[in-house]
Amino acid sequence: MSHTSRIQTQITNIKALERAVKALKLHLIKNGMVRAFSESQHFKADYVIQCRGPYDVGLVKVDKIYELRTDWWGGHVEKEIGENGGRLLQEYQIAVTVMVAQSKGDNIIRQTLPDGTIKLRISQK
C-alpha cells in the first residue's frame, strides 16, 4: 500500500530551497532516491531532502515548479518539515524574501516570537 502523496508548491528557486533546508537542519541532495514505506516504493527525484527519520522528501519538477512528494505515514516527515510541508514552505518564503532584500542592500532582522511566528524586519541602509 502506498502512503506517498504529492503537494503542489510554488518552489522555483533552488538557492532559496537550500537555505530553507539548512534552516531546518536537514540536507538537500540533487538527483537522489527518496526513501518511503518499503523499498519497492522508493523513487528518484530531482532533489531529495534527507530527513532524520525513515522517510525522505522528494522534489520533482513539474512544468516550472517543484512538487513535494513524500510518505507521510507515521508522522516522521511531518515532525521535520511541518504539516503538509508548512515549516519547509515558510522557511522557503523567508529565504526568498531575505535573498531579494540582500540583493537590494537592505538590512534584515529575523525574530522568532514565543508562539513560533517568524517576524522579518527589512529596512533600507
C-alpha atoms as a PDB file:
ATOM      1  CA  MET A   1       0.000   0.000   0.000  1.00  0.00           C
ATOM      2  CA  SER A   2       1.397   3.376  -0.963  1.00  0.00           C
ATOM      3  CA  HIS A   3       1.386   6.224   1.528  1.00  0.00           C
ATOM      4  CA  THR A   4       3.161   8.629  -0.820  1.00  0.00           C
ATOM      5  CA  SER A   5       1.351  11.821  -1.717  1.00  0.00           C
ATOM      6  CA  ARG A   6       2.053  14.959  -3.726  1.00  0.00           C
ATOM      7  CA  ILE A   7       1.822  18.575  -2.650  1.00  0.00           C
ATOM      8  CA  GLN A   8       1.924  21.319  -5.239  1.00  0.00           C
ATOM      9  CA  THR A   9       4.144  24.232  -4.266  1.00  0.00           C
ATOM     10  CA  GLN A  10       5.472  27.461  -5.675  1.00  0.00           C
ATOM     11  CA  ILE A  11       9.091  26.354  -5.234  1.00  0.00           C
ATOM     12  CA  THR A  12      11.185  27.554  -8.166  1.00  0.00           C
ATOM     13  CA  ASN A  13      14.366  28.905  -6.549  1.00  0.00           C
ATOM     14  CA  ILE A  14      16.810  26.151  -5.606  1.00  0.00           C
ATOM     15  CA  LYS A  15      19.169  28.526  -3.740  1.00  0.00           C
ATOM     16  CA  ALA A  16      16.257  29.565  -1.507  1.00  0.00           C
ATOM     17  CA  LEU A  17      15.303  25.904  -1.074  1.00  0.00           C
ATOM     18  CA  GLU A  18      18.871  25.121   0.017  1.00  0.00           C
ATOM     19  CA  ARG A  19      18.646  27.870   2.652  1.00  0.00           C
ATOM     20  CA  ALA A  20      15.263  26.601   3.852  1.00  0.00           C
ATOM     21  CA  VAL A  21      16.500  23.029   4.176  1.00  0.00           C
ATOM     22  CA  LYS A  22      19.601  24.218   6.040  1.00  0.00           C
ATOM     23  CA  ALA A  23      17.407  26.266   8.422  1.00  0.00           C
ATOM     24  CA  LEU A  24      15.570  23.031   9.279  1.00  0.00           C
ATOM     25  CA  LYS A  25      18.954  21.320   9.869  1.00  0.00           C
ATOM     26  CA  LEU A  26      18.345  18.856   7.033  1.00  0.00           C
ATOM     27  CA  HIS A  27      20.309  18.039   3.875  1.00  0.00           C
ATOM     28  CA  LEU A  28      19.408  18.584   0.220  1.00  0.00           C
ATOM     29  CA  ILE A  29      20.894  16.383  -2.484  1.00  0.00           C
ATOM     30  CA  LYS A  30      20.474  16.554  -6.237  1.00  0.00           C
ATOM     31  CA  ASN A  31      19.171  13.585  -8.276  1.00  0.00           C
ATOM     32  CA  GLY A  32      18.686  11.157  -5.410  1.00  0.00           C
ATOM     33  CA  MET A  33      16.482   8.319  -4.224  1.00  0.00           C
ATOM     34  CA  VAL A  34      13.641   9.075  -1.828  1.00  0.00           C
ATOM     35  CA  ARG A  35      13.070   6.594   0.984  1.00  0.00           C
ATOM     36  CA  ALA A  36       9.440   5.576   1.556  1.00  0.00           C
ATOM     37  CA  PHE A  37       7.466   2.916   3.464  1.00  0.00           C
ATOM     38  CA  SER A  38       9.008  -0.030   1.642  1.00  0.00           C
ATOM     39  CA  GLU A  39      11.991  -0.326  -0.653  1.00  0.00           C
ATOM     40  CA  SER A  40       9.681  -1.043  -3.591  1.00  0.00           C
ATOM     41  CA  GLN A  41       8.131   2.413  -3.047  1.00  0.00           C
ATOM     42  CA  HIS A  42      11.438   4.314  -3.143  1.00  0.00           C
ATOM     43  CA  PHE A  43      11.627   6.686  -6.112  1.00  0.00           C
ATOM     44  CA  LYS A  44      14.005   9.078  -7.872  1.00  0.00           C
ATOM     45  CA  ALA A  45      13.595  12.824  -7.525  1.00  0.00           C
ATOM     46  CA  ASP A  46      15.279  15.917  -8.927  1.00  0.00           C
ATOM     47  CA  TYR A  47      16.129  16.929  -5.348  1.00  0.00           C
ATOM     48  CA  VAL A  48      15.844  14.976  -2.104  1.00  0.00           C
ATOM     49  CA  ILE A  49      15.520  16.409   1.376  1.00  0.00           C
ATOM     50  CA  GLN A  50      17.178  13.797   3.549  1.00  0.00           C
ATOM     51  CA  CYS A  51      15.267  13.558   6.796  1.00  0.00           C
ATOM     52  CA  ARG A  52      16.473  12.042  10.068  1.00  0.00           C
ATOM     53  CA  GLY A  53      13.592   9.550  10.186  1.00  0.00           C
ATOM     54  CA  PRO A  54      12.922   6.595   7.879  1.00  0.00           C
ATOM     55  CA  TYR A  55      11.417   8.642   5.016  1.00  0.00           C
ATOM     56  CA  ASP A  56      12.675  11.494   2.827  1.00  0.00           C
ATOM     57  CA  VAL A  57      11.026  14.237   0.773  1.00  0.00           C
ATOM     58  CA  GLY A  58      11.386  14.309  -2.997  1.00  0.00           C
ATOM     59  CA  LEU A  59      11.095  17.423  -5.123  1.00  0.00           C
ATOM     60  CA  VAL A  60      10.069  16.636  -8.672  1.00  0.00           C
ATOM     61  CA  LYS A  61       9.950  19.367 -11.303  1.00  0.00           C
ATOM     62  CA  VAL A  62       6.542  19.632 -12.960  1.00  0.00           C
ATOM     63  CA  ASP A  63       6.470  22.368 -15.592  1.00  0.00           C
ATOM     64  CA  LYS A  64       8.459  25.166 -13.924  1.00  0.00           C
ATOM     65  CA  ILE A  65       7.799  24.414 -10.250  1.00  0.00           C
ATOM     66  CA  TYR A  66       8.778  21.655  -7.846  1.00  0.00           C
ATOM     67  CA  GLU A  67       6.209  19.347  -6.317  1.00  0.00           C
ATOM     68  CA  LEU A  68       6.794  17.778  -2.886  1.00  0.00           C
ATOM     69  CA  ARG A  69       6.437  14.005  -2.824  1.00  0.00           C
ATOM     70  CA  THR A  70       6.788  12.055   0.374  1.00  0.00           C
ATOM     71  CA  ASP A  71       5.431   9.279   2.548  1.00  0.00           C
ATOM     72  CA  TRP A  72       3.546  10.975   5.394  1.00  0.00           C
ATOM     73  CA  TRP A  73       2.795   7.713   7.211  1.00  0.00           C
ATOM     74  CA  GLY A  74       3.732   7.669  10.887  1.00  0.00           C
ATOM     75  CA  GLY A  75       4.319  11.416  11.165  1.00  0.00           C
ATOM     76  CA  HIS A  76       8.092  11.123  10.633  1.00  0.00           C
ATOM     77  CA  VAL A  77       8.277  13.690   7.819  1.00  0.00           C
ATOM     78  CA  GLU A  78       5.721  15.999   9.436  1.00  0.00           C
ATOM     79  CA  LYS A  79       7.958  16.291  12.524  1.00  0.00           C
ATOM     80  CA  GLU A  80      10.753  17.652  10.361  1.00  0.00           C
ATOM     81  CA  ILE A  81       9.074  19.819   7.701  1.00  0.00           C
ATOM     82  CA  GLY A  82       5.687  20.524   9.288  1.00  0.00           C
ATOM     83  CA  GLU A  83       2.153  19.520   8.391  1.00  0.00           C
ATOM     84  CA  ASN A  84       1.853  19.414   4.593  1.00  0.00           C
ATOM     85  CA  GLY A  85       5.381  20.823   4.448  1.00  0.00           C
ATOM     86  CA  GLY A  86       4.316  24.037   6.181  1.00  0.00           C
ATOM     87  CA  ARG A  87       7.592  24.703   8.022  1.00  0.00           C
ATOM     88  CA  LEU A  88       9.618  23.980   4.884  1.00  0.00           C
ATOM     89  CA  LEU A  89       7.436  26.283   2.783  1.00  0.00           C
ATOM     90  CA  GLN A  90       7.611  29.008   5.445  1.00  0.00           C
ATOM     91  CA  GLU A  91      11.421  28.798   5.539  1.00  0.00           C
ATOM     92  CA  TYR A  92      11.478  28.837   1.737  1.00  0.00           C
ATOM     93  CA  GLN A  93       9.409  32.044   1.594  1.00  0.00           C
ATOM     94  CA  ILE A  94      11.632  33.623   4.240  1.00  0.00           C
ATOM     95  CA  ALA A  95      14.723  32.678   2.213  1.00  0.00           C
ATOM     96  CA  VAL A  96      13.256  34.182  -0.968  1.00  0.00           C
ATOM     97  CA  THR A  97      12.379  37.403   0.876  1.00  0.00           C
ATOM     98  CA  VAL A  98      15.816  37.652   2.502  1.00  0.00           C
ATOM     99  CA  MET A  99      17.599  36.998  -0.801  1.00  0.00           C
ATOM    100  CA  VAL A 100      15.646  39.782  -2.528  1.00  0.00           C
ATOM    101  CA  ALA A 101      16.303  42.186   0.361  1.00  0.00           C
ATOM    102  CA  GLN A 102      20.015  41.317   0.366  1.00  0.00           C
ATOM    103  CA  SER A 103      20.239  41.902  -3.377  1.00  0.00           C
ATOM    104  CA  LYS A 104      18.919  45.436  -2.757  1.00  0.00           C
ATOM    105  CA  GLY A 105      21.356  46.003   0.107  1.00  0.00           C
ATOM    106  CA  ASP A 106      18.612  46.190   2.736  1.00  0.00           C
ATOM    107  CA  ASN A 107      19.054  45.421   6.448  1.00  0.00           C
ATOM    108  CA  ILE A 108      17.220  42.323   7.673  1.00  0.00           C
ATOM    109  CA  ILE A 109      16.310  41.391  11.228  1.00  0.00           C
ATOM    110  CA  ARG A 110      14.723  37.999  11.860  1.00  0.00           C
ATOM    111  CA  GLN A 111      12.897  37.382  15.118  1.00  0.00           C
ATOM    112  CA  THR A 112      11.156  34.217  16.282  1.00  0.00           C
ATOM    113  CA  LEU A 113       8.237  35.058  18.574  1.00  0.00           C
ATOM    114  CA  PRO A 114       7.221  32.871  21.554  1.00  0.00           C
ATOM    115  CA  ASP A 115       4.362  31.311  19.560  1.00  0.00           C
ATOM    116  CA  GLY A 116       6.793  30.261  16.809  1.00  0.00           C
ATOM    117  CA  THR A 117       5.782  33.007  14.411  1.00  0.00           C
ATOM    118  CA  ILE A 118       8.699  34.431  12.478  1.00  0.00           C
ATOM    119  CA  LYS A 119       8.887  38.193  12.070  1.00  0.00           C
ATOM    120  CA  LEU A 120      11.137  39.808   9.459  1.00  0.00           C
ATOM    121  CA  ARG A 121      12.033  43.487   9.620  1.00  0.00           C
ATOM    122  CA  ILE A 122      13.534  44.825   6.431  1.00  0.00           C
ATOM    123  CA  SER A 123      14.833  48.356   6.154  1.00  0.00           C
ATOM    124  CA  GLN A 124      16.933  50.294   3.704  1.00  0.00           C
ATOM    125  CA  LYS A 125      20.520  51.004   4.664  1.00  0.00           C
END
